[in-house]
Amino acid sequence: MNKDQLIERDLKKALKEAGLNPDAFDMAMAKIKRDTITVDEAHGTTSGTRKAVEAFRKEHAGLFPSDYRDSTKSLEQIERERDKRRFGTSTIDHPL
């Protein structure tokens, strides 16, 4: 893979993980600033992609959900954690 392909691959992955609206994907790939991304072609790795995505996310927050789903957790676990942050306890454990 060449430098541009490595950057594209890692940006796509980072944008997907950040929860970017799929309809905005092409626009994001065109507008995201790549000057902070460095490439080690010998090892096929990049650095700075997450930083570039976070900067893009700050500028275009409406393209990302405010609380995107962490796919490593169940919806119930996410709701419990959200409720604990909001109310100090889980409403799932203590129904109204």
PDB file of N, CA and C in Angstrom:
ATOM      1  N   MET A   1       0.841  -1.185   0.000  1.00  0.00           N
ATOM      2  CA  MET A   1       0.000   0.000   0.000  1.00  0.00           C
ATOM      3  C   MET A   1       0.885   1.247   0.000  1.00  0.00           C
ATOM      4  N   ASN A   2       0.441   2.251  -0.717  1.00  0.00           N
ATOM      5  CA  ASN A   2       1.196   3.500  -0.691  1.00  0.00           C
ATOM      6  C   ASN A   2       0.701   4.393   0.448  1.00  0.00           C
ATOM      7  N   LYS A   3       1.341   5.510   0.610  1.00  0.00           N
ATOM      8  CA  LYS A   3       1.055   6.438   1.713  1.00  0.00           C
ATOM      9  C   LYS A   3      -0.419   6.857   1.740  1.00  0.00           C
ATOM     10  N   ASP A   4      -0.966   7.267   0.607  1.00  0.00           N
ATOM     11  CA  ASP A   4      -2.351   7.723   0.556  1.00  0.00           C
ATOM     12  C   ASP A   4      -3.339   6.617   0.895  1.00  0.00           C
ATOM     13  N   GLN A   5      -3.061   5.408   0.438  1.00  0.00           N
ATOM     14  CA  GLN A   5      -3.934   4.274   0.737  1.00  0.00           C
ATOM     15  C   GLN A   5      -3.933   3.948   2.228  1.00  0.00           C
ATOM     16  N   LEU A   6      -2.766   4.039   2.857  1.00  0.00           N
ATOM     17  CA  LEU A   6      -2.676   3.784   4.300  1.00  0.00           C
ATOM     18  C   LEU A   6      -3.478   4.823   5.081  1.00  0.00           C
ATOM     19  N   ILE A   7      -3.357   6.075   4.677  1.00  0.00           N
ATOM     20  CA  ILE A   7      -4.095   7.144   5.359  1.00  0.00           C
ATOM     21  C   ILE A   7      -5.596   6.939   5.174  1.00  0.00           C
ATOM     22  N   GLU A   8      -6.027   6.650   3.949  1.00  0.00           N
ATOM     23  CA  GLU A   8      -7.452   6.422   3.658  1.00  0.00           C
ATOM     24  C   GLU A   8      -7.994   5.277   4.516  1.00  0.00           C
ATOM     25  N   ARG A   9      -7.249   4.166   4.561  1.00  0.00           N
ATOM     26  CA  ARG A   9      -7.685   3.002   5.332  1.00  0.00           C
ATOM     27  C   ARG A   9      -7.891   3.352   6.798  1.00  0.00           C
ATOM     28  N   ASP A  10      -6.908   4.019   7.392  1.00  0.00           N
ATOM     29  CA  ASP A  10      -6.987   4.324   8.816  1.00  0.00           C
ATOM     30  C   ASP A  10      -7.998   5.426   9.123  1.00  0.00           C
ATOM     31  N   LEU A  11      -8.163   6.377   8.209  1.00  0.00           N
ATOM     32  CA  LEU A  11      -9.190   7.407   8.405  1.00  0.00           C
ATOM     33  C   LEU A  11     -10.582   6.800   8.361  1.00  0.00           C
ATOM     34  N   LYS A  12     -10.819   5.916   7.411  1.00  0.00           N
ATOM     35  CA  LYS A  12     -12.131   5.261   7.308  1.00  0.00           C
ATOM     36  C   LYS A  12     -12.450   4.520   8.598  1.00  0.00           C
ATOM     37  N   LYS A  13     -11.473   3.808   9.102  1.00  0.00           N
ATOM     38  CA  LYS A  13     -11.666   3.044  10.336  1.00  0.00           C
ATOM     39  C   LYS A  13     -11.956   3.984  11.511  1.00  0.00           C
ATOM     40  N   ALA A  14     -11.184   5.059  11.635  1.00  0.00           N
ATOM     41  CA  ALA A  14     -11.356   5.995  12.753  1.00  0.00           C
ATOM     42  C   ALA A  14     -12.695   6.734  12.658  1.00  0.00           C
ATOM     43  N   LEU A  15     -13.111   7.114  11.454  1.00  0.00           N
ATOM     44  CA  LEU A  15     -14.404   7.790  11.287  1.00  0.00           C
ATOM     45  C   LEU A  15     -15.553   6.857  11.630  1.00  0.00           C
ATOM     46  N   LYS A  16     -15.443   5.604  11.225  1.00  0.00           N
ATOM     47  CA  LYS A  16     -16.488   4.618  11.545  1.00  0.00           C
ATOM     48  C   LYS A  16     -16.570   4.410  13.052  1.00  0.00           C
ATOM     49  N   GLU A  17     -15.428   4.274  13.697  1.00  0.00           N
ATOM     50  CA  GLU A  17     -15.404   4.085  15.152  1.00  0.00           C
ATOM     51  C   GLU A  17     -15.954   5.304  15.884  1.00  0.00           C
ATOM     52  N   ALA A  18     -15.765   6.484  15.316  1.00  0.00           N
ATOM     53  CA  ALA A  18     -16.264   7.718  15.942  1.00  0.00           C
ATOM     54  C   ALA A  18     -17.772   7.886  15.744  1.00  0.00           C
ATOM     55  N   GLY A  19     -18.366   7.042  14.893  1.00  0.00           N
ATOM     56  CA  GLY A  19     -19.804   7.086  14.709  1.00  0.00           C
ATOM     57  C   GLY A  19     -20.278   8.081  13.663  1.00  0.00           C
ATOM     58  N   LEU A  20     -19.434   8.424  12.713  1.00  0.00           N
ATOM     59  CA  LEU A  20     -19.811   9.373  11.672  1.00  0.00           C
ATOM     60  C   LEU A  20     -21.066   8.921  10.952  1.00  0.00           C
ATOM     61  N   ASN A  21     -21.959   9.866  10.664  1.00  0.00           N
ATOM     62  CA  ASN A  21     -23.152   9.590   9.882  1.00  0.00           C
ATOM     63  C   ASN A  21     -22.705   9.042   8.526  1.00  0.00           C
ATOM     64  N   PRO A  22     -23.166   7.860   8.135  1.00  0.00           N
ATOM     65  CA  PRO A  22     -22.723   7.256   6.875  1.00  0.00           C
ATOM     66  C   PRO A  22     -22.982   8.129   5.646  1.00  0.00           C
ATOM     67  N   ASP A  23     -24.013   8.954   5.680  1.00  0.00           N
ATOM     68  CA  ASP A  23     -24.317   9.837   4.553  1.00  0.00           C
ATOM     69  C   ASP A  23     -23.260  10.927   4.380  1.00  0.00           C
ATOM     70  N   ALA A  24     -22.500  11.207   5.410  1.00  0.00           N
ATOM     71  CA  ALA A  24     -21.504  12.278   5.365  1.00  0.00           C
ATOM     72  C   ALA A  24     -20.090  11.757   5.133  1.00  0.00           C
ATOM     73  N   PHE A  25     -19.979  10.474   4.880  1.00  0.00           N
ATOM     74  CA  PHE A  25     -18.663   9.854   4.790  1.00  0.00           C
ATOM     75  C   PHE A  25     -17.798  10.446   3.674  1.00  0.00           C
ATOM     76  N   ASP A  26     -18.343  10.573   2.465  1.00  0.00           N
ATOM     77  CA  ASP A  26     -17.548  11.096   1.346  1.00  0.00           C
ATOM     78  C   ASP A  26     -17.102  12.529   1.608  1.00  0.00           C
ATOM     79  N   MET A  27     -17.997  13.334   2.159  1.00  0.00           N
ATOM     80  CA  MET A  27     -17.660  14.725   2.478  1.00  0.00           C
ATOM     81  C   MET A  27     -16.557  14.774   3.530  1.00  0.00           C
ATOM     82  N   ALA A  28     -16.657  13.922   4.529  1.00  0.00           N
ATOM     83  CA  ALA A  28     -15.648  13.899   5.590  1.00  0.00           C
ATOM     84  C   ALA A  28     -14.278  13.511   5.041  1.00  0.00           C
ATOM     85  N   MET A  29     -14.250  12.514   4.181  1.00  0.00           N
ATOM     86  CA  MET A  29     -12.970  12.081   3.615  1.00  0.00           C
ATOM     87  C   MET A  29     -12.338  13.193   2.776  1.00  0.00           C
ATOM     88  N   ALA A  30     -13.150  14.012   2.142  1.00  0.00           N
ATOM     89  CA  ALA A  30     -12.619  15.096   1.323  1.00  0.00           C
ATOM     90  C   ALA A  30     -12.158  16.285   2.162  1.00  0.00           C
ATOM     91  N   LYS A  31     -12.851  16.547   3.292  1.00  0.00           N
ATOM     92  CA  LYS A  31     -12.578  17.755   4.067  1.00  0.00           C
ATOM     93  C   LYS A  31     -11.617  17.567   5.237  1.00  0.00           C
ATOM     94  N   ILE A  32     -11.430  16.348   5.673  1.00  0.00           N
ATOM     95  CA  ILE A  32     -10.600  16.135   6.862  1.00  0.00           C
ATOM     96  C   ILE A  32      -9.154  16.556   6.576  1.00  0.00           C
ATOM     97  N   LYS A  33      -8.565  17.244   7.536  1.00  0.00           N
ATOM     98  CA  LYS A  33      -7.188  17.736   7.382  1.00  0.00           C
ATOM     99  C   LYS A  33      -6.214  16.603   7.688  1.00  0.00           C
ATOM    100  N   ARG A  34      -5.303  16.387   6.774  1.00  0.00           N
ATOM    101  CA  ARG A  34      -4.372  15.259   6.892  1.00  0.00           C
ATOM    102  C   ARG A  34      -2.952  15.678   7.234  1.00  0.00           C
ATOM    103  N   ASP A  35      -2.749  16.956   7.500  1.00  0.00           N
ATOM    104  CA  ASP A  35      -1.382  17.446   7.738  1.00  0.00           C
ATOM    105  C   ASP A  35      -0.762  16.919   9.022  1.00  0.00           C
ATOM    106  N   THR A  36      -1.572  16.445   9.960  1.00  0.00           N
ATOM    107  CA  THR A  36      -1.034  15.914  11.219  1.00  0.00           C
ATOM    108  C   THR A  36      -0.805  14.407  11.163  1.00  0.00           C
ATOM    109  N   ILE A  37      -1.160  13.787  10.045  1.00  0.00           N
ATOM    110  CA  ILE A  37      -1.035  12.333   9.922  1.00  0.00           C
ATOM    111  C   ILE A  37       0.328  11.989   9.330  1.00  0.00           C
ATOM    112  N   THR A  38       1.027  11.107  10.020  1.00  0.00           N
ATOM    113  CA  THR A  38       2.315  10.636   9.519  1.00  0.00           C
ATOM    114  C   THR A  38       2.212   9.156   9.176  1.00  0.00           C
ATOM    115  N   VAL A  39       3.033   8.730   8.244  1.00  0.00           N
ATOM    116  CA  VAL A  39       2.970   7.353   7.745  1.00  0.00           C
ATOM    117  C   VAL A  39       4.333   6.692   7.858  1.00  0.00           C
ATOM    118  N   ASP A  40       4.315   5.464   8.342  1.00  0.00           N
ATOM    119  CA  ASP A  40       5.512   4.618   8.329  1.00  0.00           C
ATOM    120  C   ASP A  40       5.240   3.534   7.288  1.00  0.00           C
ATOM    121  N   GLU A  41       5.662   3.787   6.055  1.00  0.00           N
ATOM    122  CA  GLU A  41       5.368   2.862   4.956  1.00  0.00           C
ATOM    123  C   GLU A  41       6.045   1.503   5.147  1.00  0.00           C
ATOM    124  N   ALA A  42       7.176   1.487   5.815  1.00  0.00           N
ATOM    125  CA  ALA A  42       7.888   0.233   6.032  1.00  0.00           C
ATOM    126  C   ALA A  42       7.070  -0.741   6.874  1.00  0.00           C
ATOM    127  N   HIS A  43       6.334  -0.188   7.859  1.00  0.00           N
ATOM    128  CA  HIS A  43       5.527  -1.030   8.744  1.00  0.00           C
ATOM    129  C   HIS A  43       4.042  -1.002   8.390  1.00  0.00           C
ATOM    130  N   GLY A  44       3.662  -0.141   7.451  1.00  0.00           N
ATOM    131  CA  GLY A  44       2.261  -0.050   7.043  1.00  0.00           C
ATOM    132  C   GLY A  44       1.368   0.543   8.107  1.00  0.00           C
ATOM    133  N   THR A  45       1.896   1.514   8.855  1.00  0.00           N
ATOM    134  CA  THR A  45       1.122   2.128   9.939  1.00  0.00           C
ATOM    135  C   THR A  45       1.058   3.640   9.772  1.00  0.00           C
ATOM    136  N   THR A  46       0.066   4.212  10.421  1.00  0.00           N
ATOM    137  CA  THR A  46      -0.067   5.667  10.455  1.00  0.00           C
ATOM    138  C   THR A  46      -0.192   6.113  11.895  1.00  0.00           C
ATOM    139  N   SER A  47       0.064   7.377  12.130  1.00  0.00           N
ATOM    140  CA  SER A  47      -0.194   7.956  13.446  1.00  0.00           C
ATOM    141  C   SER A  47      -0.805   9.332  13.220  1.00  0.00           C
ATOM    142  N   GLY A  48      -1.670   9.717  14.122  1.00  0.00           N
ATOM    143  CA  GLY A  48      -2.320  11.010  14.023  1.00  0.00           C
ATOM    144  C   GLY A  48      -3.703  10.965  13.398  1.00  0.00           C
ATOM    145  N   THR A  49      -4.168   9.777  12.992  1.00  0.00           N
ATOM    146  CA  THR A  49      -5.493   9.709  12.363  1.00  0.00           C
ATOM    147  C   THR A  49      -6.605  10.027  13.359  1.00  0.00           C
ATOM    148  N   ARG A  50      -6.503   9.499  14.549  1.00  0.00           N
ATOM    149  CA  ARG A  50      -7.544   9.773  15.556  1.00  0.00           C
ATOM    150  C   ARG A  50      -7.573  11.256  15.921  1.00  0.00           C
ATOM    151  N   LYS A  51      -6.399  11.853  15.987  1.00  0.00           N
ATOM    152  CA  LYS A  51      -6.307  13.287  16.285  1.00  0.00           C
ATOM    153  C   LYS A  51      -6.977  14.100  15.166  1.00  0.00           C
ATOM    154  N   ALA A  52      -6.754  13.703  13.925  1.00  0.00           N
ATOM    155  CA  ALA A  52      -7.369  14.390  12.784  1.00  0.00           C
ATOM    156  C   ALA A  52      -8.887  14.226  12.809  1.00  0.00           C
ATOM    157  N   VAL A  53      -9.357  13.044  13.169  1.00  0.00           N
ATOM    158  CA  VAL A  53     -10.805  12.793  13.247  1.00  0.00           C
ATOM    159  C   VAL A  53     -11.415  13.609  14.385  1.00  0.00           C
ATOM    160  N   GLU A  54     -10.748  13.677  15.522  1.00  0.00           N
ATOM    161  CA  GLU A  54     -11.272  14.471  16.637  1.00  0.00           C
ATOM    162  C   GLU A  54     -11.348  15.953  16.271  1.00  0.00           C
ATOM    163  N   ALA A  55     -10.347  16.455  15.560  1.00  0.00           N
ATOM    164  CA  ALA A  55     -10.381  17.854  15.116  1.00  0.00           C
ATOM    165  C   ALA A  55     -11.548  18.072  14.147  1.00  0.00           C
ATOM    166  N   PHE A  56     -11.751  17.138  13.237  1.00  0.00           N
ATOM    167  CA  PHE A  56     -12.872  17.228  12.297  1.00  0.00           C
ATOM    168  C   PHE A  56     -14.198  17.162  13.045  1.00  0.00           C
ATOM    169  N   ARG A  57     -14.253  16.304  14.040  1.00  0.00           N
ATOM    170  CA  ARG A  57     -15.480  16.146  14.832  1.00  0.00           C
ATOM    171  C   ARG A  57     -15.839  17.439  15.568  1.00  0.00           C
ATOM    172  N   LYS A  58     -14.830  18.141  16.070  1.00  0.00           N
ATOM    173  CA  LYS A  58     -15.085  19.414  16.754  1.00  0.00           C
ATOM    174  C   LYS A  58     -15.648  20.447  15.792  1.00  0.00           C
ATOM    175  N   GLU A  59     -15.152  20.461  14.557  1.00  0.00           N
ATOM    176  CA  GLU A  59     -15.615  21.424  13.556  1.00  0.00           C
ATOM    177  C   GLU A  59     -16.986  21.059  12.983  1.00  0.00           C
ATOM    178  N   HIS A  60     -17.299  19.769  12.944  1.00  0.00           N
ATOM    179  CA  HIS A  60     -18.540  19.281  12.317  1.00  0.00           C
ATOM    180  C   HIS A  60     -19.279  18.341  13.263  1.00  0.00           C
ATOM    181  N   ALA A  61     -19.549  18.806  14.459  1.00  0.00           N
ATOM    182  CA  ALA A  61     -20.154  17.961  15.493  1.00  0.00           C
ATOM    183  C   ALA A  61     -21.502  17.392  15.081  1.00  0.00           C
ATOM    184  N   GLY A  62     -22.237  18.099  14.246  1.00  0.00           N
ATOM    185  CA  GLY A  62     -23.558  17.638  13.830  1.00  0.00           C
ATOM    186  C   GLY A  62     -23.538  16.377  12.988  1.00  0.00           C
ATOM    187  N   LEU A  63     -22.383  16.008  12.478  1.00  0.00           N
ATOM    188  CA  LEU A  63     -22.272  14.797  11.659  1.00  0.00           C
ATOM    189  C   LEU A  63     -22.064  13.543  12.507  1.00  0.00           C
ATOM    190  N   PHE A  64     -21.853  13.743  13.790  1.00  0.00           N
ATOM    191  CA  PHE A  64     -21.605  12.636  14.703  1.00  0.00           C
ATOM    192  C   PHE A  64     -22.688  12.612  15.770  1.00  0.00           C
ATOM    193  N   PRO A  65     -23.105  11.439  16.195  1.00  0.00           N
ATOM    194  CA  PRO A  65     -24.048  11.388  17.308  1.00  0.00           C
ATOM    195  C   PRO A  65     -23.383  11.894  18.583  1.00  0.00           C
ATOM    196  N   SER A  66     -24.161  12.490  19.452  1.00  0.00           N
ATOM    197  CA  SER A  66     -23.572  13.040  20.673  1.00  0.00           C
ATOM    198  C   SER A  66     -23.118  11.949  21.631  1.00  0.00           C
ATOM    199  N   ASP A  67     -23.747  10.800  21.575  1.00  0.00           N
ATOM    200  CA  ASP A  67     -23.380   9.689  22.455  1.00  0.00           C
ATOM    201  C   ASP A  67     -23.404   8.407  21.636  1.00  0.00           C
ATOM    202  N   TYR A  68     -22.418   8.257  20.738  1.00  0.00           N
ATOM    203  CA  TYR A  68     -22.442   7.099  19.849  1.00  0.00           C
ATOM    204  C   TYR A  68     -22.245   5.819  20.639  1.00  0.00           C
ATOM    205  N   ARG A  69     -22.773   4.744  20.106  1.00  0.00           N
ATOM    206  CA  ARG A  69     -22.784   3.464  20.800  1.00  0.00           C
ATOM    207  C   ARG A  69     -21.425   2.779  20.749  1.00  0.00           C
ATOM    208  N   ASP A  70     -20.938   2.418  21.917  1.00  0.00           N
ATOM    209  CA  ASP A  70     -19.727   1.622  22.028  1.00  0.00           C
ATOM    210  C   ASP A  70     -20.134   0.171  21.774  1.00  0.00           C
ATOM    211  N   SER A  71     -19.734  -0.381  20.649  1.00  0.00           N
ATOM    212  CA  SER A  71     -20.192  -1.717  20.260  1.00  0.00           C
ATOM    213  C   SER A  71     -19.621  -2.835  21.130  1.00  0.00           C
ATOM    214  N   THR A  72     -18.713  -2.515  22.036  1.00  0.00           N
ATOM    215  CA  THR A  72     -18.195  -3.549  22.927  1.00  0.00           C
ATOM    216  C   THR A  72     -19.087  -3.742  24.146  1.00  0.00           C
ATOM    217  N   LYS A  73     -20.096  -2.852  24.294  1.00  0.00           N
ATOM    218  CA  LYS A  73     -21.002  -2.935  25.439  1.00  0.00           C
ATOM    219  C   LYS A  73     -22.424  -3.201  24.965  1.00  0.00           C
ATOM    220  N   SER A  74     -23.205  -3.868  25.797  1.00  0.00           N
ATOM    221  CA  SER A  74     -24.606  -4.100  25.468  1.00  0.00           C
ATOM    222  C   SER A  74     -25.377  -2.789  25.660  1.00  0.00           C
ATOM    223  N   LEU A  75     -26.526  -2.684  25.019  1.00  0.00           N
ATOM    224  CA  LEU A  75     -27.349  -1.484  25.178  1.00  0.00           C
ATOM    225  C   LEU A  75     -27.755  -1.292  26.637  1.00  0.00           C
ATOM    226  N   GLU A  76     -28.023  -2.392  27.319  1.00  0.00           N
ATOM    227  CA  GLU A  76     -28.401  -2.303  28.731  1.00  0.00           C
ATOM    228  C   GLU A  76     -27.255  -1.728  29.563  1.00  0.00           C
ATOM    229  N   GLN A  77     -26.054  -2.146  29.301  1.00  0.00           N
ATOM    230  CA  GLN A  77     -24.892  -1.639  30.034  1.00  0.00           C
ATOM    231  C   GLN A  77     -24.693  -0.150  29.758  1.00  0.00           C
ATOM    232  N   ILE A  78     -24.863   0.257  28.500  1.00  0.00           N
ATOM    233  CA  ILE A  78     -24.731   1.671  28.143  1.00  0.00           C
ATOM    234  C   ILE A  78     -25.794   2.498  28.857  1.00  0.00           C
ATOM    235  N   GLU A  79     -27.038   2.000  28.896  1.00  0.00           N
ATOM    236  CA  GLU A  79     -28.118   2.721  29.575  1.00  0.00           C
ATOM    237  C   GLU A  79     -27.845   2.835  31.071  1.00  0.00           C
ATOM    238  N   ARG A  80     -27.354   1.769  31.680  1.00  0.00           N
ATOM    239  CA  ARG A  80     -27.027   1.820  33.113  1.00  0.00           C
ATOM    240  C   ARG A  80     -25.963   2.887  33.393  1.00  0.00           C
ATOM    241  N   GLU A  81     -24.903   2.901  32.583  1.00  0.00           N
ATOM    242  CA  GLU A  81     -23.838   3.881  32.787  1.00  0.00           C
ATOM    243  C   GLU A  81     -24.345   5.304  32.560  1.00  0.00           C
ATOM    244  N   ARG A  82     -25.175   5.501  31.535  1.00  0.00           N
ATOM    245  CA  ARG A  82     -25.726   6.827  31.248  1.00  0.00           C
ATOM    246  C   ARG A  82     -26.604   7.291  32.410  1.00  0.00           C
ATOM    247  N   ASP A  83     -27.464   6.393  32.902  1.00  0.00           N
ATOM    248  CA  ASP A  83     -28.342   6.742  34.016  1.00  0.00           C
ATOM    249  C   ASP A  83     -27.551   7.075  35.274  1.00  0.00           C
ATOM    250  N   LYS A  84     -26.493   6.332  35.518  1.00  0.00           N
ATOM    251  CA  LYS A  84     -25.671   6.601  36.706  1.00  0.00           C
ATOM    252  C   LYS A  84     -25.014   7.969  36.618  1.00  0.00           C
ATOM    253  N   ARG A  85     -24.599   8.363  35.389  1.00  0.00           N
ATOM    254  CA  ARG A  85     -24.025   9.700  35.217  1.00  0.00           C
ATOM    255  C   ARG A  85     -25.094  10.773  35.433  1.00  0.00           C
ATOM    256  N   ARG A  86     -26.291  10.524  34.934  1.00  0.00           N
ATOM    257  CA  ARG A  86     -27.351  11.527  35.011  1.00  0.00           C
ATOM    258  C   ARG A  86     -28.020  11.598  36.379  1.00  0.00           C
ATOM    259  N   PHE A  87     -28.348  10.432  36.942  1.00  0.00           N
ATOM    260  CA  PHE A  87     -29.181  10.398  38.142  1.00  0.00           C
ATOM    261  C   PHE A  87     -28.498   9.840  39.379  1.00  0.00           C
ATOM    262  N   GLY A  88     -27.299   9.314  39.204  1.00  0.00           N
ATOM    263  CA  GLY A  88     -26.595   8.736  40.341  1.00  0.00           C
ATOM    264  C   GLY A  88     -26.953   7.271  40.565  1.00  0.00           C
ATOM    265  N   THR A  89     -27.952   6.775  39.857  1.00  0.00           N
ATOM    266  CA  THR A  89     -28.350   5.380  39.950  1.00  0.00           C
ATOM    267  C   THR A  89     -28.971   4.977  38.620  1.00  0.00           C
ATOM    268  N   SER A  90     -29.151   3.708  38.419  1.00  0.00           N
ATOM    269  CA  SER A  90     -29.719   3.230  37.161  1.00  0.00           C
ATOM    270  C   SER A  90     -31.236   3.125  37.279  1.00  0.00           C
ATOM    271  N   THR A  91     -31.951   3.660  36.303  1.00  0.00           N
ATOM    272  CA  THR A  91     -33.418   3.524  36.304  1.00  0.00           C
ATOM    273  C   THR A  91     -33.822   2.132  35.888  1.00  0.00           C
ATOM    274  N   ILE A  92     -32.916   1.376  35.287  1.00  0.00           N
ATOM    275  CA  ILE A  92     -33.208  -0.021  34.927  1.00  0.00           C
ATOM    276  C   ILE A  92     -33.306  -0.853  36.196  1.00  0.00           C
ATOM    277  N   ASP A  93     -32.398  -0.598  37.143  1.00  0.00           N
ATOM    278  CA  ASP A  93     -32.401  -1.335  38.403  1.00  0.00           C
ATOM    279  C   ASP A  93     -33.525  -0.893  39.329  1.00  0.00           C
ATOM    280  N   HIS A  94     -33.932   0.381  39.225  1.00  0.00           N
ATOM    281  CA  HIS A  94     -34.957   0.946  40.096  1.00  0.00           C
ATOM    282  C   HIS A  94     -36.047   1.597  39.266  1.00  0.00           C
ATOM    283  N   PRO A  95     -36.982   0.809  38.763  1.00  0.00           N
ATOM    284  CA  PRO A  95     -38.027   1.391  37.926  1.00  0.00           C
ATOM    285  C   PRO A  95     -38.826   2.449  38.684  1.00  0.00           C
ATOM    286  N   LEU A  96     -39.355   3.405  37.925  1.00  0.00           N
ATOM    287  CA  LEU A  96     -40.113   4.497  38.546  1.00  0.00           C
ATOM    288  C   LEU A  96     -41.393   4.056  39.146  1.00  0.00           C
TER     289      LEU A  96
END
